[in-house]
Amino acid sequence: MKYGAFLPHIGPLANGDVMTNIRTTAQNAEALGFDSVWTGDHIVIPVDIASRYPYTATGSFPMNPKAPLLEPLTVLSFVAACTTKIRLGTAVLVLPHRNAVVTAKTVATLDVLSRGRVILGVGVGWMEEEFKAVNASFADRGPLSDEAVAVMKELWTSEHPRFNGKFHRFPEVACEPRPVQKPHPPIWIGGHTGPALRRVVEYGDGWAAVVFNPQEFAERLDKIKERAAKAGRDISKVTLCVSPRGKRPEAILDDIPRYQELGATYLYLAFFNFARSYEEMAGMMERFARDVKLI
């Protein structure tokens, strides 16, 4: 099992000397043996949110709309310069909020500057109010995201990229440099709906599963395996990553053997969700690293 830690670029711990907190968290994670550091994604948080958040029992968004939230790819570019080997992930980048060509260029640049350390977790988004704020189509977010992945792969892998789709069209272009990782940075799919699981099977290099317990992970994984069998996809080629919710890090330790038994090979945690200060979060990370024998 490999482990990742979210950077404190969201919420109360993103106040104060956030540059130092992010840099130190990334460097500590690297020294402690974590495989990766992660960022989440929102561009704006509307003050009034009627959309249902899919990862809480209440459906309400668990963050103060006025809390800081730094842009994820910018944060990872900063972290790339502060570290040498730890991987840099998005969990998840909301694809339909951004122009796919610009995103492809930004991610390729990050992969070059980090010498091939990017894991691109992607999702379609859930907050309709945010889509309105960035002038993106909420209704088209699924097909637009699918096409965005195809656009990025074309720009990253083709000698002479061109595209003619429903939402993106361009004649032959050059988009250099291409990513260091070949054929491209791994693309992990976030979400648990039917369309999200379909994307995992269709083009996901990994599945970023947000779950509350191993049983929920097992039920959703069964659906993926069923779809993969029908599509002829070898599920062993897909990284199964778990992001447990609803439990403190020390309580999650008891669930790790079961997740491994089910086939998960990756787990990441947002330690900042359980800490009232940067120092408390740093202590949690160190204790977790010792408990899972990273150090």
Protein backbone atom coordinates (compact mmCIF):
# COMPACT_ATOMS: atom_id res chain seq x y z
CA MET A 1 0.00 0.00 0.00
CA LYS A 2 1.22 3.48 -0.89
CA TYR A 3 0.06 6.56 1.00
CA GLY A 4 -0.59 10.18 0.17
CA ALA A 5 -1.37 13.31 2.15
CA PHE A 6 -3.38 16.36 1.17
CA LEU A 7 -1.65 19.69 1.38
CA PRO A 8 -3.14 22.37 3.66
CA HIS A 9 -4.17 24.64 0.81
CA ILE A 10 -7.85 24.50 1.77
CA GLY A 11 -9.71 25.73 4.83
CA PRO A 12 -8.50 27.26 8.11
CA LEU A 13 -4.94 25.91 7.84
CA ALA A 14 -4.53 27.81 4.58
CA ASN A 15 -4.54 31.03 6.61
CA GLY A 16 -1.41 32.69 7.99
CA ASP A 17 1.95 31.71 6.53
CA VAL A 18 0.40 29.34 4.00
CA MET A 19 3.52 29.26 1.82
CA THR A 20 5.61 27.91 4.68
CA ASN A 21 2.89 25.47 5.76
CA ILE A 22 2.51 24.02 2.27
CA ARG A 23 6.25 23.80 1.65
CA THR A 24 6.95 22.21 5.03
CA THR A 25 4.06 19.75 4.70
CA ALA A 26 5.32 18.59 1.31
CA GLN A 27 8.90 18.28 2.49
CA ASN A 28 7.87 16.46 5.66
CA ALA A 29 5.68 14.07 3.67
CA GLU A 30 8.61 13.31 1.40
CA ALA A 31 10.94 12.72 4.37
CA LEU A 32 8.36 10.53 6.16
CA GLY A 33 8.00 8.22 3.15
CA PHE A 34 4.62 9.27 1.78
CA ASP A 35 4.36 8.55 -1.94
CA SER A 36 2.39 11.66 -2.87
CA VAL A 37 0.87 14.99 -1.87
CA TRP A 38 -2.53 16.12 -3.10
CA THR A 39 -4.66 19.15 -3.84
CA GLY A 40 -8.41 19.54 -4.18
CA ASP A 41 -10.19 21.88 -6.55
CA HIS A 42 -12.74 24.66 -6.38
CA ILE A 43 -12.33 27.97 -8.15
CA VAL A 44 -15.00 29.82 -6.19
CA ILE A 45 -17.33 28.77 -3.38
CA PRO A 46 -20.81 30.34 -3.65
CA VAL A 47 -22.14 31.66 -0.38
CA ASP A 48 -25.51 29.98 -0.96
CA ILE A 49 -25.25 26.33 -2.06
CA ALA A 50 -28.36 24.29 -2.80
CA SER A 51 -26.48 21.51 -4.63
CA ARG A 52 -26.08 18.32 -2.63
CA TYR A 53 -22.51 17.42 -1.69
CA PRO A 54 -22.10 13.70 -2.51
CA TYR A 55 -19.62 12.77 0.21
CA THR A 56 -21.44 13.55 3.45
CA ALA A 57 -24.46 11.95 5.04
CA THR A 58 -26.20 15.34 5.27
CA GLY A 59 -25.40 16.42 1.73
CA SER A 60 -24.20 19.82 2.93
CA PHE A 61 -20.83 21.21 1.84
CA PRO A 62 -18.44 20.79 4.78
CA MET A 63 -16.41 23.98 4.32
CA ASN A 64 -16.89 27.63 5.15
CA PRO A 65 -17.41 29.43 1.81
CA LYS A 66 -15.11 32.23 2.98
CA ALA A 67 -12.24 29.92 3.95
CA PRO A 68 -9.11 30.16 1.74
CA LEU A 69 -8.71 27.75 -1.16
CA LEU A 70 -5.59 28.03 -3.31
CA GLU A 71 -5.68 26.94 -6.96
CA PRO A 72 -4.43 23.32 -7.15
CA LEU A 73 -2.09 23.32 -10.15
CA THR A 74 -0.41 26.51 -8.99
CA VAL A 75 0.15 24.94 -5.56
CA LEU A 76 1.64 21.80 -7.10
CA SER A 77 3.99 23.87 -9.27
CA PHE A 78 5.28 25.54 -6.11
CA VAL A 79 5.62 22.16 -4.37
CA ALA A 80 7.47 20.70 -7.36
CA ALA A 81 10.22 23.24 -6.75
CA CYS A 82 10.36 22.46 -3.01
CA THR A 83 10.68 18.65 -3.34
CA THR A 84 12.60 16.11 -5.37
CA LYS A 85 10.76 12.79 -5.53
CA ILE A 86 7.28 12.88 -3.98
CA ARG A 87 4.45 12.58 -6.49
CA LEU A 88 2.04 15.48 -7.11
CA GLY A 89 -1.67 14.74 -7.44
CA THR A 90 -5.03 16.45 -7.98
CA ALA A 91 -8.02 14.93 -6.23
CA VAL A 92 -9.76 15.91 -8.23
CA LEU A 93 -9.38 18.57 -10.91
CA VAL A 94 -12.85 19.59 -12.14
CA LEU A 95 -12.33 19.27 -15.88
CA PRO A 96 -15.36 21.18 -17.23
CA HIS A 97 -14.36 24.32 -15.30
CA ARG A 98 -11.30 24.79 -17.51
CA ASN A 99 -10.39 24.93 -21.16
CA ALA A 100 -9.04 21.48 -22.04
CA VAL A 101 -6.20 22.76 -24.25
CA VAL A 102 -4.97 25.13 -21.54
CA THR A 103 -5.25 22.35 -18.94
CA ALA A 104 -3.24 19.99 -21.14
CA LYS A 105 -0.51 22.62 -21.48
CA THR A 106 -0.45 23.36 -17.74
CA VAL A 107 -0.31 19.69 -16.71
CA ALA A 108 2.39 18.91 -19.27
CA THR A 109 4.43 21.84 -17.99
CA LEU A 110 4.04 20.64 -14.40
CA ASP A 111 5.13 17.14 -15.41
CA VAL A 112 8.22 18.54 -17.15
CA LEU A 113 9.18 20.81 -14.25
CA SER A 114 8.65 18.02 -11.70
CA ARG A 115 10.53 15.48 -13.87
CA GLY A 116 7.51 13.23 -14.30
CA ARG A 117 5.76 13.26 -10.92
CA VAL A 118 2.17 14.22 -11.81
CA ILE A 119 -0.92 12.12 -11.06
CA LEU A 120 -3.92 13.78 -12.68
CA GLY A 121 -7.08 12.97 -10.75
CA VAL A 122 -10.13 14.29 -12.59
CA GLY A 123 -13.85 14.63 -12.01
CA VAL A 124 -16.92 16.22 -13.52
CA GLY A 125 -17.92 18.39 -10.53
CA TRP A 126 -21.12 18.54 -8.52
CA MET A 127 -21.78 22.16 -7.47
CA GLU A 128 -24.12 23.75 -10.02
CA GLU A 129 -23.72 27.18 -8.47
CA GLU A 130 -19.97 27.10 -9.10
CA PHE A 131 -20.53 26.12 -12.73
CA LYS A 132 -22.71 29.20 -13.17
CA ALA A 133 -20.03 31.40 -11.61
CA VAL A 134 -17.35 30.20 -14.07
CA ASN A 135 -19.79 30.23 -17.00
CA ALA A 136 -19.57 26.47 -17.62
CA SER A 137 -22.40 24.13 -18.59
CA PHE A 138 -23.52 21.96 -15.69
CA ALA A 139 -25.76 19.88 -17.97
CA ASP A 140 -22.90 19.06 -20.35
CA ARG A 141 -20.26 18.42 -17.68
CA GLY A 142 -20.13 14.65 -18.30
CA PRO A 143 -19.62 14.56 -22.07
CA LEU A 144 -17.47 17.68 -21.89
CA SER A 145 -15.16 15.97 -19.39
CA ASP A 146 -14.92 12.83 -21.52
CA GLU A 147 -13.95 14.94 -24.52
CA ALA A 148 -11.48 16.97 -22.44
CA VAL A 149 -9.58 13.78 -21.58
CA ALA A 150 -9.47 12.86 -25.27
CA VAL A 151 -8.18 16.36 -26.12
CA MET A 152 -5.44 16.16 -23.51
CA LYS A 153 -4.31 12.72 -24.65
CA GLU A 154 -4.19 13.93 -28.24
CA LEU A 155 -2.03 16.92 -27.30
CA TRP A 156 0.23 14.82 -25.07
CA THR A 157 0.83 11.88 -27.38
CA SER A 158 0.37 12.86 -31.02
CA GLU A 159 3.17 14.13 -33.22
CA HIS A 160 0.64 16.27 -35.07
CA PRO A 161 -2.27 16.96 -32.67
CA ARG A 162 -5.65 17.80 -34.16
CA PHE A 163 -9.18 17.37 -32.86
CA ASN A 164 -12.74 17.59 -34.16
CA GLY A 165 -15.27 17.00 -31.40
CA LYS A 166 -18.53 18.45 -30.11
CA PHE A 167 -16.94 20.91 -27.68
CA HIS A 168 -13.33 21.17 -28.92
CA ARG A 169 -12.07 21.65 -32.46
CA PHE A 170 -8.64 22.60 -33.70
CA PRO A 171 -6.57 21.87 -36.82
CA GLU A 172 -3.04 20.57 -36.58
CA VAL A 173 -1.12 22.32 -33.80
CA ALA A 174 2.12 21.97 -31.89
CA CYS A 175 1.94 21.74 -28.09
CA GLU A 176 5.45 21.24 -26.79
CA PRO A 177 6.96 20.09 -24.59
CA ARG A 178 4.97 16.97 -24.02
CA PRO A 179 4.87 15.32 -20.59
CA VAL A 180 7.87 13.41 -19.28
CA GLN A 181 5.69 10.40 -18.37
CA LYS A 182 4.81 8.20 -21.31
CA PRO A 183 2.38 7.92 -22.85
CA HIS A 184 1.09 10.61 -20.45
CA PRO A 185 0.61 11.28 -16.71
CA PRO A 186 -1.71 8.71 -15.14
CA ILE A 187 -5.36 9.77 -15.13
CA TRP A 188 -7.32 8.76 -12.06
CA ILE A 189 -11.10 9.07 -12.11
CA GLY A 190 -12.95 10.41 -9.10
CA GLY A 191 -16.56 9.66 -8.27
CA HIS A 192 -18.87 6.75 -7.57
CA THR A 193 -21.88 7.27 -9.85
CA GLY A 194 -22.60 4.97 -12.79
CA PRO A 195 -21.01 7.38 -15.30
CA ALA A 196 -17.93 7.78 -13.08
CA LEU A 197 -17.45 4.02 -12.85
CA ARG A 198 -17.90 3.79 -16.61
CA ARG A 199 -15.07 6.33 -17.03
CA VAL A 200 -12.81 4.27 -14.77
CA VAL A 201 -13.27 1.27 -17.04
CA GLU A 202 -13.17 3.23 -20.28
CA TYR A 203 -10.06 5.33 -19.80
CA GLY A 204 -9.00 5.48 -16.14
CA ASP A 205 -5.49 4.59 -15.10
CA GLY A 206 -6.77 4.71 -11.54
CA TRP A 207 -9.93 5.08 -9.48
CA ALA A 208 -9.93 7.64 -6.66
CA ALA A 209 -12.65 6.14 -4.49
CA VAL A 210 -14.15 8.35 -1.78
CA VAL A 211 -15.83 5.93 0.64
CA PHE A 212 -16.92 5.73 4.25
CA ASN A 213 -15.89 2.11 4.91
CA PRO A 214 -14.48 -1.03 3.23
CA GLN A 215 -17.96 -2.44 2.59
CA GLU A 216 -18.87 0.58 0.48
CA PHE A 217 -15.60 0.26 -1.40
CA ALA A 218 -16.29 -3.44 -2.05
CA GLU A 219 -19.79 -2.76 -3.39
CA ARG A 220 -18.60 -0.12 -5.84
CA LEU A 221 -15.58 -2.17 -6.86
CA ASP A 222 -17.90 -5.07 -7.74
CA LYS A 223 -19.70 -2.74 -10.16
CA ILE A 224 -16.42 -1.73 -11.75
CA LYS A 225 -15.35 -5.34 -12.12
CA GLU A 226 -18.67 -6.19 -13.75
CA ARG A 227 -18.30 -3.34 -16.23
CA ALA A 228 -14.66 -4.23 -16.88
CA ALA A 229 -15.53 -7.85 -17.62
CA LYS A 230 -18.10 -6.76 -20.20
CA ALA A 231 -15.66 -4.29 -21.78
CA GLY A 232 -12.68 -6.65 -21.75
CA ARG A 233 -10.69 -4.29 -19.51
CA ASP A 234 -8.04 -5.77 -17.21
CA ILE A 235 -8.89 -4.22 -13.85
CA SER A 236 -5.47 -5.18 -12.49
CA LYS A 237 -4.08 -2.38 -14.66
CA VAL A 238 -6.14 0.20 -12.74
CA THR A 239 -4.73 1.69 -9.53
CA LEU A 240 -7.40 1.37 -6.84
CA CYS A 241 -7.03 4.31 -4.48
CA VAL A 242 -9.12 4.86 -1.36
CA SER A 243 -9.89 8.16 0.32
CA PRO A 244 -11.77 7.24 3.51
CA ARG A 245 -14.19 9.77 4.98
CA GLY A 246 -15.83 10.12 8.35
CA LYS A 247 -13.02 8.66 10.47
CA ARG A 248 -9.92 10.12 12.07
CA PRO A 249 -6.58 8.84 10.69
CA GLU A 250 -5.89 6.62 13.70
CA ALA A 251 -9.29 4.94 13.29
CA ILE A 252 -8.64 4.24 9.61
CA LEU A 253 -5.64 2.07 10.48
CA ASP A 254 -7.91 -0.84 11.42
CA ASP A 255 -9.54 -0.73 7.96
CA ILE A 256 -6.35 -0.76 5.91
CA PRO A 257 -5.90 -4.58 5.85
CA ARG A 258 -9.45 -4.98 4.53
CA TYR A 259 -8.91 -2.37 1.82
CA GLN A 260 -5.74 -4.20 0.80
CA GLU A 261 -7.57 -7.51 0.77
CA LEU A 262 -10.10 -6.01 -1.64
CA GLY A 263 -7.33 -4.88 -3.97
CA ALA A 264 -6.65 -1.27 -3.00
CA THR A 265 -3.00 -0.33 -3.41
CA TYR A 266 -3.19 3.36 -2.56
CA LEU A 267 -4.69 5.47 0.24
CA TYR A 268 -4.60 9.20 0.80
CA LEU A 269 -5.81 11.31 3.69
CA ALA A 270 -6.71 14.94 4.33
CA PHE A 271 -5.02 15.25 7.72
CA PHE A 272 -5.91 18.95 7.87
CA ASN A 273 -9.59 18.05 8.26
CA PHE A 274 -8.85 16.70 11.75
CA ALA A 275 -6.38 19.30 12.99
CA ARG A 276 -6.85 22.67 14.64
CA SER A 277 -3.33 23.84 13.89
CA TYR A 278 -0.50 23.14 11.49
CA GLU A 279 1.56 21.62 14.33
CA GLU A 280 -1.24 19.20 15.20
CA MET A 281 -1.56 18.14 11.57
CA ALA A 282 2.20 17.58 11.29
CA GLY A 283 2.08 15.38 14.38
CA MET A 284 -0.79 13.34 12.93
CA MET A 285 1.16 12.74 9.73
CA GLU A 286 4.25 11.58 11.61
CA ARG A 287 2.26 9.20 13.85
CA PHE A 288 0.44 7.77 10.84
CA ALA A 289 3.71 7.24 8.98
CA ARG A 290 5.10 5.33 11.97
CA ASP A 291 1.90 3.28 12.40
CA VAL A 292 1.93 2.09 8.78
CA LYS A 293 5.70 1.64 8.97
CA LEU A 294 6.72 4.22 6.40
CA ILE A 295 9.50 5.16 8.82
